[in-house]
Amino acid sequence: MATTIVFQNNRGEGVRIYWLNYQGRREPFQGLSLGRQHAQETYDSHPWIVTEENGRCIGLYMPEATRRQVEIRAADIPAAR
């Protein structure tokens, strides 16, 4: 089902947004600087990955049947061990 996922970057630095394709590979879609927002039309079965600028994964997000808002925050990143 077609839907929209909205990414809001409140993390403190830029991030990158990727679609995870049918082969499980990252397809680059959007760079997102601090304070910026990006609305992506997609399907509810398409996973999206947000990474740091260097490619380290911050999170994996699935769209919902209705418009989904994703806030990317610094607190979302687990501490290195």
PDB file of N, CA and C in Angstrom:
ATOM      1  N   MET A   1       0.841  -1.172   0.000  1.00  0.00           N
ATOM      2  CA  MET A   1       0.000   0.000   0.000  1.00  0.00           C
ATOM      3  C   MET A   1       0.893   1.245   0.000  1.00  0.00           C
ATOM      4  N   ALA A   2       0.591   2.187  -0.835  1.00  0.00           N
ATOM      5  CA  ALA A   2       1.353   3.434  -0.901  1.00  0.00           C
ATOM      6  C   ALA A   2       1.142   4.255   0.368  1.00  0.00           C
ATOM      7  N   THR A   3       2.208   4.891   0.825  1.00  0.00           N
ATOM      8  CA  THR A   3       2.177   5.689   2.041  1.00  0.00           C
ATOM      9  C   THR A   3       3.331   6.684   2.018  1.00  0.00           C
ATOM     10  N   THR A   4       3.514   7.404   3.113  1.00  0.00           N
ATOM     11  CA  THR A   4       4.608   8.370   3.241  1.00  0.00           C
ATOM     12  C   THR A   4       5.285   8.181   4.588  1.00  0.00           C
ATOM     13  N   ILE A   5       6.614   8.273   4.585  1.00  0.00           N
ATOM     14  CA  ILE A   5       7.384   8.287   5.825  1.00  0.00           C
ATOM     15  C   ILE A   5       8.162   9.605   5.844  1.00  0.00           C
ATOM     16  N   VAL A   6       8.099  10.309   6.962  1.00  0.00           N
ATOM     17  CA  VAL A   6       8.739  11.627   7.094  1.00  0.00           C
ATOM     18  C   VAL A   6       9.868  11.518   8.102  1.00  0.00           C
ATOM     19  N   PHE A   7      11.072  11.876   7.683  1.00  0.00           N
ATOM     20  CA  PHE A   7      12.242  11.852   8.551  1.00  0.00           C
ATOM     21  C   PHE A   7      12.562  13.276   8.995  1.00  0.00           C
ATOM     22  N   GLN A   8      12.693  13.480  10.299  1.00  0.00           N
ATOM     23  CA  GLN A   8      13.058  14.775  10.878  1.00  0.00           C
ATOM     24  C   GLN A   8      14.383  14.600  11.593  1.00  0.00           C
ATOM     25  N   ASN A   9      15.420  15.337  11.154  1.00  0.00           N
ATOM     26  CA  ASN A   9      16.748  15.195  11.750  1.00  0.00           C
ATOM     27  C   ASN A   9      16.950  16.191  12.883  1.00  0.00           C
ATOM     28  N   ASN A  10      16.864  15.702  14.117  1.00  0.00           N
ATOM     29  CA  ASN A  10      17.135  16.496  15.317  1.00  0.00           C
ATOM     30  C   ASN A  10      18.338  15.911  16.058  1.00  0.00           C
ATOM     31  N   ARG A  11      19.242  15.295  15.326  1.00  0.00           N
ATOM     32  CA  ARG A  11      20.325  14.513  15.892  1.00  0.00           C
ATOM     33  C   ARG A  11      21.547  15.332  16.299  1.00  0.00           C
ATOM     34  N   GLY A  12      21.800  16.461  15.677  1.00  0.00           N
ATOM     35  CA  GLY A  12      22.989  17.248  16.003  1.00  0.00           C
ATOM     36  C   GLY A  12      23.995  17.278  14.876  1.00  0.00           C
ATOM     37  N   GLU A  13      23.809  16.421  13.869  1.00  0.00           N
ATOM     38  CA  GLU A  13      24.659  16.406  12.678  1.00  0.00           C
ATOM     39  C   GLU A  13      23.916  15.733  11.536  1.00  0.00           C
ATOM     40  N   GLY A  14      24.490  15.794  10.356  1.00  0.00           N
ATOM     41  CA  GLY A  14      23.839  15.234   9.186  1.00  0.00           C
ATOM     42  C   GLY A  14      23.693  13.721   9.244  1.00  0.00           C
ATOM     43  N   VAL A  15      22.699  13.221   8.532  1.00  0.00           N
ATOM     44  CA  VAL A  15      22.453  11.787   8.401  1.00  0.00           C
ATOM     45  C   VAL A  15      22.185  11.477   6.938  1.00  0.00           C
ATOM     46  N   ARG A  16      22.173  10.196   6.637  1.00  0.00           N
ATOM     47  CA  ARG A  16      21.844   9.730   5.285  1.00  0.00           C
ATOM     48  C   ARG A  16      20.674   8.753   5.384  1.00  0.00           C
ATOM     49  N   ILE A  17      19.813   8.795   4.367  1.00  0.00           N
ATOM     50  CA  ILE A  17      18.635   7.936   4.330  1.00  0.00           C
ATOM     51  C   ILE A  17      18.759   6.994   3.135  1.00  0.00           C
ATOM     52  N   TYR A  18      18.533   5.712   3.397  1.00  0.00           N
ATOM     53  CA  TYR A  18      18.614   4.685   2.361  1.00  0.00           C
ATOM     54  C   TYR A  18      17.352   3.840   2.360  1.00  0.00           C
ATOM     55  N   TRP A  19      16.956   3.406   1.169  1.00  0.00           N
ATOM     56  CA  TRP A  19      15.940   2.373   1.027  1.00  0.00           C
ATOM     57  C   TRP A  19      16.674   1.042   1.018  1.00  0.00           C
ATOM     58  N   LEU A  20      16.178   0.059   1.732  1.00  0.00           N
ATOM     59  CA  LEU A  20      16.751  -1.282   1.714  1.00  0.00           C
ATOM     60  C   LEU A  20      16.049  -2.047   0.600  1.00  0.00           C
ATOM     61  N   ASN A  21      16.780  -2.321  -0.508  1.00  0.00           N
ATOM     62  CA  ASN A  21      16.139  -2.888  -1.694  1.00  0.00           C
ATOM     63  C   ASN A  21      15.808  -4.367  -1.528  1.00  0.00           C
ATOM     64  N   TYR A  22      15.272  -4.967  -2.576  1.00  0.00           N
ATOM     65  CA  TYR A  22      14.791  -6.347  -2.521  1.00  0.00           C
ATOM     66  C   TYR A  22      15.915  -7.365  -2.336  1.00  0.00           C
ATOM     67  N   GLN A  23      17.152  -6.967  -2.613  1.00  0.00           N
ATOM     68  CA  GLN A  23      18.316  -7.833  -2.401  1.00  0.00           C
ATOM     69  C   GLN A  23      18.985  -7.553  -1.056  1.00  0.00           C
ATOM     70  N   GLY A  24      18.419  -6.657  -0.265  1.00  0.00           N
ATOM     71  CA  GLY A  24      18.966  -6.323   1.042  1.00  0.00           C
ATOM     72  C   GLY A  24      20.094  -5.310   0.986  1.00  0.00           C
ATOM     73  N   ARG A  25      20.244  -4.621  -0.134  1.00  0.00           N
ATOM     74  CA  ARG A  25      21.296  -3.621  -0.298  1.00  0.00           C
ATOM     75  C   ARG A  25      20.742  -2.220  -0.091  1.00  0.00           C
ATOM     76  N   ARG A  26      21.595  -1.349   0.427  1.00  0.00           N
ATOM     77  CA  ARG A  26      21.210   0.051   0.631  1.00  0.00           C
ATOM     78  C   ARG A  26      21.188   0.800  -0.691  1.00  0.00           C
ATOM     79  N   GLU A  27      20.087   1.494  -0.930  1.00  0.00           N
ATOM     80  CA  GLU A  27      19.954   2.379  -2.090  1.00  0.00           C
ATOM     81  C   GLU A  27      19.890   3.803  -1.548  1.00  0.00           C
ATOM     82  N   PRO A  28      20.895   4.639  -1.847  1.00  0.00           N
ATOM     83  CA  PRO A  28      20.896   6.002  -1.294  1.00  0.00           C
ATOM     84  C   PRO A  28      19.729   6.834  -1.827  1.00  0.00           C
ATOM     85  N   PHE A  29      19.102   7.582  -0.925  1.00  0.00           N
ATOM     86  CA  PHE A  29      17.978   8.422  -1.315  1.00  0.00           C
ATOM     87  C   PHE A  29      18.173   9.884  -0.939  1.00  0.00           C
ATOM     88  N   GLN A  30      18.659  10.166   0.265  1.00  0.00           N
ATOM     89  CA  GLN A  30      18.636  11.552   0.720  1.00  0.00           C
ATOM     90  C   GLN A  30      19.659  11.776   1.816  1.00  0.00           C
ATOM     91  N   GLY A  31      20.403  12.873   1.716  1.00  0.00           N
ATOM     92  CA  GLY A  31      21.184  13.361   2.841  1.00  0.00           C
ATOM     93  C   GLY A  31      20.301  14.346   3.590  1.00  0.00           C
ATOM     94  N   LEU A  32      20.439  14.401   4.892  1.00  0.00           N
ATOM     95  CA  LEU A  32      19.556  15.250   5.681  1.00  0.00           C
ATOM     96  C   LEU A  32      20.374  15.970   6.744  1.00  0.00           C
ATOM     97  N   SER A  33      20.534  17.276   6.588  1.00  0.00           N
ATOM     98  CA  SER A  33      21.306  18.045   7.556  1.00  0.00           C
ATOM     99  C   SER A  33      20.469  18.327   8.806  1.00  0.00           C
ATOM    100  N   LEU A  34      21.132  18.784   9.851  1.00  0.00           N
ATOM    101  CA  LEU A  34      20.495  19.066  11.130  1.00  0.00           C
ATOM    102  C   LEU A  34      19.298  19.996  10.959  1.00  0.00           C
ATOM    103  N   GLY A  35      18.186  19.635  11.577  1.00  0.00           N
ATOM    104  CA  GLY A  35      16.987  20.469  11.563  1.00  0.00           C
ATOM    105  C   GLY A  35      16.133  20.328  10.319  1.00  0.00           C
ATOM    106  N   ARG A  36      16.588  19.547   9.362  1.00  0.00           N
ATOM    107  CA  ARG A  36      15.843  19.392   8.106  1.00  0.00           C
ATOM    108  C   ARG A  36      14.896  18.193   8.178  1.00  0.00           C
ATOM    109  N   GLN A  37      13.937  18.201   7.278  1.00  0.00           N
ATOM    110  CA  GLN A  37      12.914  17.167   7.210  1.00  0.00           C
ATOM    111  C   GLN A  37      12.811  16.685   5.769  1.00  0.00           C
ATOM    112  N   HIS A  38      12.517  15.413   5.599  1.00  0.00           N
ATOM    113  CA  HIS A  38      12.323  14.850   4.255  1.00  0.00           C
ATOM    114  C   HIS A  38      11.123  13.921   4.278  1.00  0.00           C
ATOM    115  N   ALA A  39      10.156  14.176   3.404  1.00  0.00           N
ATOM    116  CA  ALA A  39       8.990  13.310   3.245  1.00  0.00           C
ATOM    117  C   ALA A  39       9.235  12.397   2.051  1.00  0.00           C
ATOM    118  N   GLN A  40       9.171  11.096   2.273  1.00  0.00           N
ATOM    119  CA  GLN A  40       9.445  10.116   1.222  1.00  0.00           C
ATOM    120  C   GLN A  40       8.194   9.305   0.927  1.00  0.00           C
ATOM    121  N   GLU A  41       7.753   9.351  -0.317  1.00  0.00           N
ATOM    122  CA  GLU A  41       6.660   8.466  -0.731  1.00  0.00           C
ATOM    123  C   GLU A  41       7.240   7.073  -0.874  1.00  0.00           C
ATOM    124  N   THR A  42       6.509   6.081  -0.394  1.00  0.00           N
ATOM    125  CA  THR A  42       7.015   4.714  -0.354  1.00  0.00           C
ATOM    126  C   THR A  42       5.842   3.753  -0.264  1.00  0.00           C
ATOM    127  N   TYR A  43       6.143   2.519   0.083  1.00  0.00           N
ATOM    128  CA  TYR A  43       5.121   1.504   0.319  1.00  0.00           C
ATOM    129  C   TYR A  43       5.303   0.961   1.731  1.00  0.00           C
ATOM    130  N   ASP A  44       4.226   0.497   2.335  1.00  0.00           N
ATOM    131  CA  ASP A  44       4.303   0.054   3.725  1.00  0.00           C
ATOM    132  C   ASP A  44       5.172  -1.189   3.925  1.00  0.00           C
ATOM    133  N   SER A  45       5.613  -1.815   2.857  1.00  0.00           N
ATOM    134  CA  SER A  45       6.478  -2.997   2.949  1.00  0.00           C
ATOM    135  C   SER A  45       7.955  -2.669   2.707  1.00  0.00           C
ATOM    136  N   HIS A  46       8.294  -1.402   2.483  1.00  0.00           N
ATOM    137  CA  HIS A  46       9.669  -1.011   2.162  1.00  0.00           C
ATOM    138  C   HIS A  46      10.416  -0.498   3.393  1.00  0.00           C
ATOM    139  N   PRO A  47      11.477  -1.191   3.806  1.00  0.00           N
ATOM    140  CA  PRO A  47      12.266  -0.727   4.957  1.00  0.00           C
ATOM    141  C   PRO A  47      13.203   0.420   4.579  1.00  0.00           C
ATOM    142  N   TRP A  48      13.434   1.313   5.529  1.00  0.00           N
ATOM    143  CA  TRP A  48      14.323   2.463   5.355  1.00  0.00           C
ATOM    144  C   TRP A  48      15.365   2.466   6.462  1.00  0.00           C
ATOM    145  N   ILE A  49      16.602   2.805   6.106  1.00  0.00           N
ATOM    146  CA  ILE A  49      17.705   2.855   7.060  1.00  0.00           C
ATOM    147  C   ILE A  49      18.210   4.287   7.141  1.00  0.00           C
ATOM    148  N   VAL A  50      18.494   4.747   8.360  1.00  0.00           N
ATOM    149  CA  VAL A  50      19.127   6.046   8.587  1.00  0.00           C
ATOM    150  C   VAL A  50      20.515   5.765   9.151  1.00  0.00           C
ATOM    151  N   THR A  51      21.531   6.425   8.582  1.00  0.00           N
ATOM    152  CA  THR A  51      22.905   6.220   9.026  1.00  0.00           C
ATOM    153  C   THR A  51      23.572   7.539   9.365  1.00  0.00           C
ATOM    154  N   GLU A  52      24.697   7.428  10.078  1.00  0.00           N
ATOM    155  CA  GLU A  52      25.592   8.566  10.236  1.00  0.00           C
ATOM    156  C   GLU A  52      26.200   8.843   8.862  1.00  0.00           C
ATOM    157  N   GLU A  53      26.885   9.962   8.730  1.00  0.00           N
ATOM    158  CA  GLU A  53      27.537  10.301   7.468  1.00  0.00           C
ATOM    159  C   GLU A  53      28.522   9.210   7.028  1.00  0.00           C
ATOM    160  N   ASN A  54      29.150   8.523   7.994  1.00  0.00           N
ATOM    161  CA  ASN A  54      30.143   7.494   7.674  1.00  0.00           C
ATOM    162  C   ASN A  54      29.527   6.133   7.355  1.00  0.00           C
ATOM    163  N   GLY A  55      28.203   6.028   7.391  1.00  0.00           N
ATOM    164  CA  GLY A  55      27.517   4.788   7.049  1.00  0.00           C
ATOM    165  C   GLY A  55      27.092   3.929   8.220  1.00  0.00           C
ATOM    166  N   ARG A  56      27.478   4.294   9.442  1.00  0.00           N
ATOM    167  CA  ARG A  56      27.076   3.527  10.627  1.00  0.00           C
ATOM    168  C   ARG A  56      25.567   3.656  10.833  1.00  0.00           C
ATOM    169  N   CYS A  57      24.896   2.535  10.942  1.00  0.00           N
ATOM    170  CA  CYS A  57      23.438   2.507  11.059  1.00  0.00           C
ATOM    171  C   CYS A  57      22.968   3.118  12.372  1.00  0.00           C
ATOM    172  N   ILE A  58      22.006   4.011  12.270  1.00  0.00           N
ATOM    173  CA  ILE A  58      21.351   4.609  13.436  1.00  0.00           C
ATOM    174  C   ILE A  58      20.051   3.862  13.721  1.00  0.00           C
ATOM    175  N   GLY A  59      19.315   3.529  12.661  1.00  0.00           N
ATOM    176  CA  GLY A  59      18.050   2.846  12.866  1.00  0.00           C
ATOM    177  C   GLY A  59      17.445   2.330  11.580  1.00  0.00           C
ATOM    178  N   LEU A  60      16.555   1.368  11.731  1.00  0.00           N
ATOM    179  CA  LEU A  60      15.790   0.791  10.641  1.00  0.00           C
ATOM    180  C   LEU A  60      14.331   1.132  10.903  1.00  0.00           C
ATOM    181  N   TYR A  61      13.650   1.642   9.893  1.00  0.00           N
ATOM    182  CA  TYR A  61      12.276   2.115  10.074  1.00  0.00           C
ATOM    183  C   TYR A  61      11.374   1.534   8.995  1.00  0.00           C
ATOM    184  N   MET A  62      10.207   1.078   9.424  1.00  0.00           N
ATOM    185  CA  MET A  62       9.196   0.576   8.501  1.00  0.00           C
ATOM    186  C   MET A  62       8.070   1.597   8.410  1.00  0.00           C
ATOM    187  N   PRO A  63       7.639   1.893   7.195  1.00  0.00           N
ATOM    188  CA  PRO A  63       6.474   2.772   7.041  1.00  0.00           C
ATOM    189  C   PRO A  63       5.232   2.097   7.612  1.00  0.00           C
ATOM    190  N   GLU A  64       4.221   2.891   7.813  1.00  0.00           N
ATOM    191  CA  GLU A  64       2.942   2.384   8.300  1.00  0.00           C
ATOM    192  C   GLU A  64       1.878   2.676   7.253  1.00  0.00           C
ATOM    193  N   ALA A  65       0.711   2.118   7.425  1.00  0.00           N
ATOM    194  CA  ALA A  65      -0.368   2.320   6.455  1.00  0.00           C
ATOM    195  C   ALA A  65      -0.742   3.797   6.325  1.00  0.00           C
ATOM    196  N   THR A  66      -0.590   4.533   7.413  1.00  0.00           N
ATOM    197  CA  THR A  66      -0.813   5.974   7.384  1.00  0.00           C
ATOM    198  C   THR A  66       0.543   6.670   7.476  1.00  0.00           C
ATOM    199  N   ARG A  67       0.574   7.934   7.195  1.00  0.00           N
ATOM    200  CA  ARG A  67       1.804   8.726   7.235  1.00  0.00           C
ATOM    201  C   ARG A  67       2.533   8.518   8.564  1.00  0.00           C
ATOM    202  N   ARG A  68       3.829   8.200   8.499  1.00  0.00           N
ATOM    203  CA  ARG A  68       4.632   7.983   9.704  1.00  0.00           C
ATOM    204  C   ARG A  68       5.676   9.087   9.835  1.00  0.00           C
ATOM    205  N   GLN A  69       5.805   9.626  11.028  1.00  0.00           N
ATOM    206  CA  GLN A  69       6.805  10.646  11.345  1.00  0.00           C
ATOM    207  C   GLN A  69       7.917   9.977  12.155  1.00  0.00           C
ATOM    208  N   VAL A  70       9.174  10.113  11.700  1.00  0.00           N
ATOM    209  CA  VAL A  70      10.330   9.559  12.394  1.00  0.00           C
ATOM    210  C   VAL A  70      11.214  10.717  12.827  1.00  0.00           C
ATOM    211  N   GLU A  71      11.434  10.851  14.128  1.00  0.00           N
ATOM    212  CA  GLU A  71      12.347  11.871  14.642  1.00  0.00           C
ATOM    213  C   GLU A  71      13.678  11.204  14.949  1.00  0.00           C
ATOM    214  N   ILE A  72      14.740  11.685  14.317  1.00  0.00           N
ATOM    215  CA  ILE A  72      16.078  11.139  14.519  1.00  0.00           C
ATOM    216  C   ILE A  72      16.772  12.006  15.556  1.00  0.00           C
ATOM    217  N   ARG A  73      17.128  11.383  16.693  1.00  0.00           N
ATOM    218  CA  ARG A  73      17.734  12.114  17.810  1.00  0.00           C
ATOM    219  C   ARG A  73      19.052  11.472  18.206  1.00  0.00           C
ATOM    220  N   ALA A  74      19.913  12.248  18.844  1.00  0.00           N
ATOM    221  CA  ALA A  74      21.192  11.734  19.312  1.00  0.00           C
ATOM    222  C   ALA A  74      20.987  10.607  20.310  1.00  0.00           C
ATOM    223  N   ALA A  75      19.953  10.674  21.117  1.00  0.00           N
ATOM    224  CA  ALA A  75      19.698   9.664  22.145  1.00  0.00           C
ATOM    225  C   ALA A  75      19.344   8.309  21.523  1.00  0.00           C
ATOM    226  N   ASP A  76      19.014   8.268  20.232  1.00  0.00           N
ATOM    227  CA  ASP A  76      18.653   7.026  19.589  1.00  0.00           C
ATOM    228  C   ASP A  76      19.853   6.129  19.296  1.00  0.00           C
ATOM    229  N   ILE A  77      21.055   6.673  19.438  1.00  0.00           N
ATOM    230  CA  ILE A  77      22.254   5.934  19.076  1.00  0.00           C
ATOM    231  C   ILE A  77      22.824   5.253  20.313  1.00  0.00           C
ATOM    232  N   PRO A  78      22.977   3.938  20.268  1.00  0.00           N
ATOM    233  CA  PRO A  78      23.558   3.244  21.420  1.00  0.00           C
ATOM    234  C   PRO A  78      25.039   3.613  21.589  1.00  0.00           C
ATOM    235  N   ALA A  79      25.474   3.657  22.820  1.00  0.00           N
ATOM    236  CA  ALA A  79      26.873   3.966  23.102  1.00  0.00           C
ATOM    237  C   ALA A  79      27.774   2.843  22.616  1.00  0.00           C
ATOM    238  N   ALA A  80      28.958   3.186  22.142  1.00  0.00           N
ATOM    239  CA  ALA A  80      29.934   2.179  21.715  1.00  0.00           C
ATOM    240  C   ALA A  80      30.394   1.373  22.925  1.00  0.00           C
ATOM    241  N   ARG A  81      30.635   0.108  22.721  1.00  0.00           N
ATOM    242  CA  ARG A  81      31.079  -0.761  23.825  1.00  0.00           C
ATOM    243  C   ARG A  81      32.480  -1.222  23.576  1.00  0.00           C
TER     244      ARG A  81
END
